[in-house]
Amino acid sequence: MKNIAVKMAIEIAGSQTALAKKCGKAQSTVCDWLNGKKRISPEHVPALVEATKGKIPAYKFRPDLPELFPHPEQTV
């Protein structure tokens, strides 16, 4: 299953290679994130947010970690 947030980040960056460069990762890693072969490590989420100039918030990359990346509408 495709990771929609990563797909959108690739579109914003222009390519998997461009996104990888902005995040300091290999293109193959971005491909693995896209295709669900690897989970995005929490420490890489801020780089992805930065690479998209904040257009894709952190919680969209790792919605399974609300304690680290809370949804803005989430009540505490």
PDB file of N, CA and C in Angstrom:
ATOM      1  N   MET A   1       0.842  -1.185   0.000  1.00  0.00           N
ATOM      2  CA  MET A   1       0.000   0.000   0.000  1.00  0.00           C
ATOM      3  C   MET A   1       0.887   1.249   0.000  1.00  0.00           C
ATOM      4  N   LYS A   2       0.569   2.172  -0.864  1.00  0.00           N
ATOM      5  CA  LYS A   2       1.348   3.405  -0.998  1.00  0.00           C
ATOM      6  C   LYS A   2       1.130   4.318   0.222  1.00  0.00           C
ATOM      7  N   ASN A   3       2.209   4.972   0.627  1.00  0.00           N
ATOM      8  CA  ASN A   3       2.132   5.972   1.679  1.00  0.00           C
ATOM      9  C   ASN A   3       1.774   7.292   0.995  1.00  0.00           C
ATOM     10  N   ILE A   4       0.552   7.753   1.223  1.00  0.00           N
ATOM     11  CA  ILE A   4       0.040   8.937   0.529  1.00  0.00           C
ATOM     12  C   ILE A   4       0.855  10.184   0.883  1.00  0.00           C
ATOM     13  N   ALA A   5       1.265  10.326   2.143  1.00  0.00           N
ATOM     14  CA  ALA A   5       2.048  11.502   2.540  1.00  0.00           C
ATOM     15  C   ALA A   5       3.384  11.531   1.806  1.00  0.00           C
ATOM     16  N   VAL A   6       4.021  10.380   1.677  1.00  0.00           N
ATOM     17  CA  VAL A   6       5.302  10.318   0.959  1.00  0.00           C
ATOM     18  C   VAL A   6       5.070  10.600  -0.523  1.00  0.00           C
ATOM     19  N   LYS A   7       3.986  10.068  -1.072  1.00  0.00           N
ATOM     20  CA  LYS A   7       3.664  10.322  -2.484  1.00  0.00           C
ATOM     21  C   LYS A   7       3.511  11.822  -2.723  1.00  0.00           C
ATOM     22  N   MET A   8       2.803  12.500  -1.835  1.00  0.00           N
ATOM     23  CA  MET A   8       2.615  13.941  -1.965  1.00  0.00           C
ATOM     24  C   MET A   8       3.942  14.684  -1.800  1.00  0.00           C
ATOM     25  N   ALA A   9       4.778  14.232  -0.873  1.00  0.00           N
ATOM     26  CA  ALA A   9       6.086  14.863  -0.660  1.00  0.00           C
ATOM     27  C   ALA A   9       6.966  14.726  -1.899  1.00  0.00           C
ATOM     28  N   ILE A  10       6.899  13.578  -2.559  1.00  0.00           N
ATOM     29  CA  ILE A  10       7.657  13.367  -3.802  1.00  0.00           C
ATOM     30  C   ILE A  10       7.177  14.341  -4.873  1.00  0.00           C
ATOM     31  N   GLU A  11       5.866  14.512  -4.974  1.00  0.00           N
ATOM     32  CA  GLU A  11       5.309  15.445  -5.955  1.00  0.00           C
ATOM     33  C   GLU A  11       5.778  16.872  -5.679  1.00  0.00           C
ATOM     34  N   ILE A  12       5.815  17.257  -4.401  1.00  0.00           N
ATOM     35  CA  ILE A  12       6.259  18.608  -4.030  1.00  0.00           C
ATOM     36  C   ILE A  12       7.740  18.785  -4.349  1.00  0.00           C
ATOM     37  N   ALA A  13       8.547  17.776  -3.999  1.00  0.00           N
ATOM     38  CA  ALA A  13      10.000  17.857  -4.226  1.00  0.00           C
ATOM     39  C   ALA A  13      10.350  17.747  -5.707  1.00  0.00           C
ATOM     40  N   GLY A  14       9.520  17.054  -6.474  1.00  0.00           N
ATOM     41  CA  GLY A  14       9.763  16.901  -7.907  1.00  0.00           C
ATOM     42  C   GLY A  14      10.128  15.491  -8.328  1.00  0.00           C
ATOM     43  N   SER A  15      10.724  14.727  -7.413  1.00  0.00           N
ATOM     44  CA  SER A  15      11.078  13.335  -7.713  1.00  0.00           C
ATOM     45  C   SER A  15      11.506  12.653  -6.422  1.00  0.00           C
ATOM     46  N   GLN A  16      11.604  11.321  -6.475  1.00  0.00           N
ATOM     47  CA  GLN A  16      12.101  10.575  -5.317  1.00  0.00           C
ATOM     48  C   GLN A  16      13.533  10.997  -5.000  1.00  0.00           C
ATOM     49  N   THR A  17      14.344  11.180  -6.027  1.00  0.00           N
ATOM     50  CA  THR A  17      15.745  11.571  -5.836  1.00  0.00           C
ATOM     51  C   THR A  17      15.840  12.941  -5.174  1.00  0.00           C
ATOM     52  N   ALA A  18      15.027  13.891  -5.626  1.00  0.00           N
ATOM     53  CA  ALA A  18      15.051  15.241  -5.045  1.00  0.00           C
ATOM     54  C   ALA A  18      14.630  15.209  -3.579  1.00  0.00           C
ATOM     55  N   LEU A  19      13.607  14.433  -3.266  1.00  0.00           N
ATOM     56  CA  LEU A  19      13.166  14.322  -1.878  1.00  0.00           C
ATOM     57  C   LEU A  19      14.253  13.666  -1.033  1.00  0.00           C
ATOM     58  N   ALA A  20      14.870  12.633  -1.564  1.00  0.00           N
ATOM     59  CA  ALA A  20      15.941  11.939  -0.840  1.00  0.00           C
ATOM     60  C   ALA A  20      17.079  12.890  -0.513  1.00  0.00           C
ATOM     61  N   LYS A  21      17.468  13.706  -1.472  1.00  0.00           N
ATOM     62  CA  LYS A  21      18.556  14.669  -1.250  1.00  0.00           C
ATOM     63  C   LYS A  21      18.190  15.663  -0.157  1.00  0.00           C
ATOM     64  N   LYS A  22      16.960  16.149  -0.182  1.00  0.00           N
ATOM     65  CA  LYS A  22      16.527  17.120   0.824  1.00  0.00           C
ATOM     66  C   LYS A  22      16.497  16.511   2.220  1.00  0.00           C
ATOM     67  N   CYS A  23      16.297  15.194   2.292  1.00  0.00           N
ATOM     68  CA  CYS A  23      16.221  14.514   3.587  1.00  0.00           C
ATOM     69  C   CYS A  23      17.537  13.852   3.988  1.00  0.00           C
ATOM     70  N   GLY A  24      18.523  13.896   3.104  1.00  0.00           N
ATOM     71  CA  GLY A  24      19.794  13.254   3.406  1.00  0.00           C
ATOM     72  C   GLY A  24      19.711  11.732   3.406  1.00  0.00           C
ATOM     73  N   LYS A  25      18.821  11.205   2.597  1.00  0.00           N
ATOM     74  CA  LYS A  25      18.623   9.757   2.513  1.00  0.00           C
ATOM     75  C   LYS A  25      18.838   9.300   1.074  1.00  0.00           C
ATOM     76  N   ALA A  26      18.939   7.982   0.893  1.00  0.00           N
ATOM     77  CA  ALA A  26      19.078   7.409  -0.444  1.00  0.00           C
ATOM     78  C   ALA A  26      17.709   7.378  -1.133  1.00  0.00           C
ATOM     79  N   GLN A  27      17.715   7.467  -2.452  1.00  0.00           N
ATOM     80  CA  GLN A  27      16.464   7.378  -3.219  1.00  0.00           C
ATOM     81  C   GLN A  27      15.764   6.059  -2.927  1.00  0.00           C
ATOM     82  N   SER A  28      16.525   4.993  -2.736  1.00  0.00           N
ATOM     83  CA  SER A  28      15.917   3.681  -2.457  1.00  0.00           C
ATOM     84  C   SER A  28      15.142   3.696  -1.135  1.00  0.00           C
ATOM     85  N   THR A  29      15.609   4.486  -0.187  1.00  0.00           N
ATOM     86  CA  THR A  29      14.889   4.607   1.096  1.00  0.00           C
ATOM     87  C   THR A  29      13.554   5.298   0.880  1.00  0.00           C
ATOM     88  N   VAL A  30      13.551   6.355   0.097  1.00  0.00           N
ATOM     89  CA  VAL A  30      12.296   7.064  -0.210  1.00  0.00           C
ATOM     90  C   VAL A  30      11.337   6.106  -0.920  1.00  0.00           C
ATOM     91  N   CYS A  31      11.854   5.317  -1.828  1.00  0.00           N
ATOM     92  CA  CYS A  31      11.032   4.331  -2.539  1.00  0.00           C
ATOM     93  C   CYS A  31      10.435   3.323  -1.550  1.00  0.00           C
ATOM     94  N   ASP A  32      11.242   2.869  -0.602  1.00  0.00           N
ATOM     95  CA  ASP A  32      10.750   1.927   0.414  1.00  0.00           C
ATOM     96  C   ASP A  32       9.679   2.569   1.290  1.00  0.00           C
ATOM     97  N   TRP A  33       9.870   3.844   1.654  1.00  0.00           N
ATOM     98  CA  TRP A  33       8.844   4.555   2.428  1.00  0.00           C
ATOM     99  C   TRP A  33       7.553   4.648   1.635  1.00  0.00           C
ATOM    100  N   LEU A  34       7.684   4.992   0.357  1.00  0.00           N
ATOM    101  CA  LEU A  34       6.517   5.143  -0.508  1.00  0.00           C
ATOM    102  C   LEU A  34       5.717   3.854  -0.601  1.00  0.00           C
ATOM    103  N   ASN A  35       6.417   2.757  -0.764  1.00  0.00           N
ATOM    104  CA  ASN A  35       5.761   1.467  -0.985  1.00  0.00           C
ATOM    105  C   ASN A  35       5.492   0.684   0.293  1.00  0.00           C
ATOM    106  N   GLY A  36       5.755   1.280   1.444  1.00  0.00           N
ATOM    107  CA  GLY A  36       5.462   0.622   2.712  1.00  0.00           C
ATOM    108  C   GLY A  36       6.421  -0.482   3.085  1.00  0.00           C
ATOM    109  N   LYS A  37       7.575  -0.543   2.431  1.00  0.00           N
ATOM    110  CA  LYS A  37       8.554  -1.579   2.762  1.00  0.00           C
ATOM    111  C   LYS A  37       9.336  -1.227   4.020  1.00  0.00           C
ATOM    112  N   LYS A  38       9.440   0.071   4.298  1.00  0.00           N
ATOM    113  CA  LYS A  38      10.097   0.558   5.517  1.00  0.00           C
ATOM    114  C   LYS A  38       9.222   1.633   6.124  1.00  0.00           C
ATOM    115  N   ARG A  39       9.190   1.648   7.450  1.00  0.00           N
ATOM    116  CA  ARG A  39       8.503   2.734   8.146  1.00  0.00           C
ATOM    117  C   ARG A  39       9.449   3.915   8.248  1.00  0.00           C
ATOM    118  N   ILE A  40       8.903   5.087   8.229  1.00  0.00           N
ATOM    119  CA  ILE A  40       9.701   6.294   8.401  1.00  0.00           C
ATOM    120  C   ILE A  40      10.072   6.397   9.875  1.00  0.00           C
ATOM    121  N   SER A  41      11.370   6.435  10.153  1.00  0.00           N
ATOM    122  CA  SER A  41      11.814   6.598  11.533  1.00  0.00           C
ATOM    123  C   SER A  41      11.388   7.969  12.029  1.00  0.00           C
ATOM    124  N   PRO A  42      10.953   8.066  13.284  1.00  0.00           N
ATOM    125  CA  PRO A  42      10.510   9.361  13.799  1.00  0.00           C
ATOM    126  C   PRO A  42      11.542  10.479  13.623  1.00  0.00           C
ATOM    127  N   GLU A  43      12.830  10.142  13.693  1.00  0.00           N
ATOM    128  CA  GLU A  43      13.847  11.185  13.551  1.00  0.00           C
ATOM    129  C   GLU A  43      13.923  11.756  12.138  1.00  0.00           C
ATOM    130  N   HIS A  44      13.346  11.061  11.149  1.00  0.00           N
ATOM    131  CA  HIS A  44      13.361  11.556   9.769  1.00  0.00           C
ATOM    132  C   HIS A  44      12.133  12.401   9.428  1.00  0.00           C
ATOM    133  N   VAL A  45      11.120  12.365  10.270  1.00  0.00           N
ATOM    134  CA  VAL A  45       9.887  13.101   9.998  1.00  0.00           C
ATOM    135  C   VAL A  45      10.128  14.607   9.871  1.00  0.00           C
ATOM    136  N   PRO A  46      10.895  15.245  10.777  1.00  0.00           N
ATOM    137  CA  PRO A  46      11.113  16.691  10.620  1.00  0.00           C
ATOM    138  C   PRO A  46      11.768  17.062   9.285  1.00  0.00           C
ATOM    139  N   ALA A  47      12.671  16.228   8.795  1.00  0.00           N
ATOM    140  CA  ALA A  47      13.309  16.505   7.498  1.00  0.00           C
ATOM    141  C   ALA A  47      12.288  16.430   6.368  1.00  0.00           C
ATOM    142  N   LEU A  48      11.352  15.505   6.457  1.00  0.00           N
ATOM    143  CA  LEU A  48      10.307  15.400   5.442  1.00  0.00           C
ATOM    144  C   LEU A  48       9.388  16.623   5.483  1.00  0.00           C
ATOM    145  N   VAL A  49       9.036  17.056   6.678  1.00  0.00           N
ATOM    146  CA  VAL A  49       8.201  18.250   6.818  1.00  0.00           C
ATOM    147  C   VAL A  49       8.935  19.452   6.221  1.00  0.00           C
ATOM    148  N   GLU A  50      10.214  19.577   6.531  1.00  0.00           N
ATOM    149  CA  GLU A  50      11.031  20.673   6.003  1.00  0.00           C
ATOM    150  C   GLU A  50      11.128  20.594   4.476  1.00  0.00           C
ATOM    151  N   ALA A  51      11.295  19.394   3.947  1.00  0.00           N
ATOM    152  CA  ALA A  51      11.419  19.206   2.493  1.00  0.00           C
ATOM    153  C   ALA A  51      10.153  19.642   1.764  1.00  0.00           C
ATOM    154  N   THR A  52       9.004  19.565   2.443  1.00  0.00           N
ATOM    155  CA  THR A  52       7.741  19.980   1.830  1.00  0.00           C
ATOM    156  C   THR A  52       7.376  21.411   2.224  1.00  0.00           C
ATOM    157  N   LYS A  53       8.301  22.093   2.881  1.00  0.00           N
ATOM    158  CA  LYS A  53       8.070  23.470   3.364  1.00  0.00           C
ATOM    159  C   LYS A  53       6.822  23.554   4.236  1.00  0.00           C
ATOM    160  N   GLY A  54       6.585  22.482   4.992  1.00  0.00           N
ATOM    161  CA  GLY A  54       5.457  22.451   5.919  1.00  0.00           C
ATOM    162  C   GLY A  54       4.116  22.150   5.290  1.00  0.00           C
ATOM    163  N   LYS A  55       4.085  21.890   3.991  1.00  0.00           N
ATOM    164  CA  LYS A  55       2.804  21.606   3.322  1.00  0.00           C
ATOM    165  C   LYS A  55       2.207  20.284   3.796  1.00  0.00           C
ATOM    166  N   ILE A  56       3.073  19.371   4.220  1.00  0.00           N
ATOM    167  CA  ILE A  56       2.597  18.098   4.765  1.00  0.00           C
ATOM    168  C   ILE A  56       3.063  18.038   6.218  1.00  0.00           C
ATOM    169  N   PRO A  57       2.126  18.084   7.167  1.00  0.00           N
ATOM    170  CA  PRO A  57       2.511  18.081   8.576  1.00  0.00           C
ATOM    171  C   PRO A  57       3.014  16.719   9.045  1.00  0.00           C
ATOM    172  N   ALA A  58       3.747  16.746  10.135  1.00  0.00           N
ATOM    173  CA  ALA A  58       4.396  15.546  10.669  1.00  0.00           C
ATOM    174  C   ALA A  58       3.422  14.396  10.912  1.00  0.00           C
ATOM    175  N   TYR A  59       2.245  14.703  11.457  1.00  0.00           N
ATOM    176  CA  TYR A  59       1.320  13.625  11.800  1.00  0.00           C
ATOM    177  C   TYR A  59       0.862  12.829  10.578  1.00  0.00           C
ATOM    178  N   LYS A  60       0.949  13.406   9.387  1.00  0.00           N
ATOM    179  CA  LYS A  60       0.537  12.662   8.184  1.00  0.00           C
ATOM    180  C   LYS A  60       1.579  11.618   7.793  1.00  0.00           C
ATOM    181  N   PHE A  61       2.851  11.865   8.129  1.00  0.00           N
ATOM    182  CA  PHE A  61       3.883  10.879   7.821  1.00  0.00           C
ATOM    183  C   PHE A  61       3.836   9.695   8.790  1.00  0.00           C
ATOM    184  N   ARG A  62       3.509   9.960  10.047  1.00  0.00           N
ATOM    185  CA  ARG A  62       3.428   8.886  11.051  1.00  0.00           C
ATOM    186  C   ARG A  62       2.170   9.050  11.903  1.00  0.00           C
ATOM    187  N   PRO A  63       0.995   8.810  11.307  1.00  0.00           N
ATOM    188  CA  PRO A  63      -0.253   8.959  12.062  1.00  0.00           C
ATOM    189  C   PRO A  63      -0.383   7.942  13.199  1.00  0.00           C
ATOM    190  N   ASP A  64       0.463   6.906  13.163  1.00  0.00           N
ATOM    191  CA  ASP A  64       0.429   5.887  14.212  1.00  0.00           C
ATOM    192  C   ASP A  64       1.168   6.314  15.475  1.00  0.00           C
ATOM    193  N   LEU A  65       1.763   7.511  15.458  1.00  0.00           N
ATOM    194  CA  LEU A  65       2.498   8.014  16.625  1.00  0.00           C
ATOM    195  C   LEU A  65       1.925   9.352  17.105  1.00  0.00           C
ATOM    196  N   PRO A  66       0.660   9.348  17.540  1.00  0.00           N
ATOM    197  CA  PRO A  66       0.035  10.621  17.936  1.00  0.00           C
ATOM    198  C   PRO A  66       0.698  11.281  19.140  1.00  0.00           C
ATOM    199  N   GLU A  67       1.388  10.478  19.973  1.00  0.00           N
ATOM    200  CA  GLU A  67       2.050  11.082  21.126  1.00  0.00           C
ATOM    201  C   GLU A  67       3.286  11.897  20.700  1.00  0.00           C
ATOM    202  N   LEU A  68       3.891  11.544  19.571  1.00  0.00           N
ATOM    203  CA  LEU A  68       5.031  12.299  19.042  1.00  0.00           C
ATOM    204  C   LEU A  68       4.604  13.369  18.048  1.00  0.00           C
ATOM    205  N   PHE A  69       3.610  13.025  17.220  1.00  0.00           N
ATOM    206  CA  PHE A  69       3.165  13.920  16.147  1.00  0.00           C
ATOM    207  C   PHE A  69       1.653  14.068  16.243  1.00  0.00           C
ATOM    208  N   PRO A  70       1.172  14.859  17.211  1.00  0.00           N
ATOM    209  CA  PRO A  70      -0.278  14.962  17.407  1.00  0.00           C
ATOM    210  C   PRO A  70      -0.985  15.665  16.264  1.00  0.00           C
ATOM    211  N   HIS A  71      -2.168  15.176  15.981  1.00  0.00           N
ATOM    212  CA  HIS A  71      -3.045  15.816  15.008  1.00  0.00           C
ATOM    213  C   HIS A  71      -3.531  17.127  15.624  1.00  0.00           C
ATOM    214  N   PRO A  72      -3.546  18.222  14.864  1.00  0.00           N
ATOM    215  CA  PRO A  72      -3.945  19.505  15.457  1.00  0.00           C
ATOM    216  C   PRO A  72      -5.358  19.519  16.033  1.00  0.00           C
ATOM    217  N   GLU A  73      -6.216  18.648  15.561  1.00  0.00           N
ATOM    218  CA  GLU A  73      -7.594  18.606  16.060  1.00  0.00           C
ATOM    219  C   GLU A  73      -7.759  17.607  17.192  1.00  0.00           C
ATOM    220  N   GLN A  74      -6.663  16.935  17.547  1.00  0.00           N
ATOM    221  CA  GLN A  74      -6.702  15.927  18.604  1.00  0.00           C
ATOM    222  C   GLN A  74      -6.834  16.608  19.968  1.00  0.00           C
ATOM    223  N   THR A  75      -7.759  16.132  20.777  1.00  0.00           N
ATOM    224  CA  THR A  75      -7.931  16.703  22.116  1.00  0.00           C
ATOM    225  C   THR A  75      -6.984  15.978  23.062  1.00  0.00           C
ATOM    226  N   VAL A  76      -6.455  16.741  23.984  1.00  0.00           N
ATOM    227  CA  VAL A  76      -5.490  16.164  24.945  1.00  0.00           C
ATOM    228  C   VAL A  76      -6.188  15.782  26.203  1.00  0.00           C
TER     229      VAL A  76
END
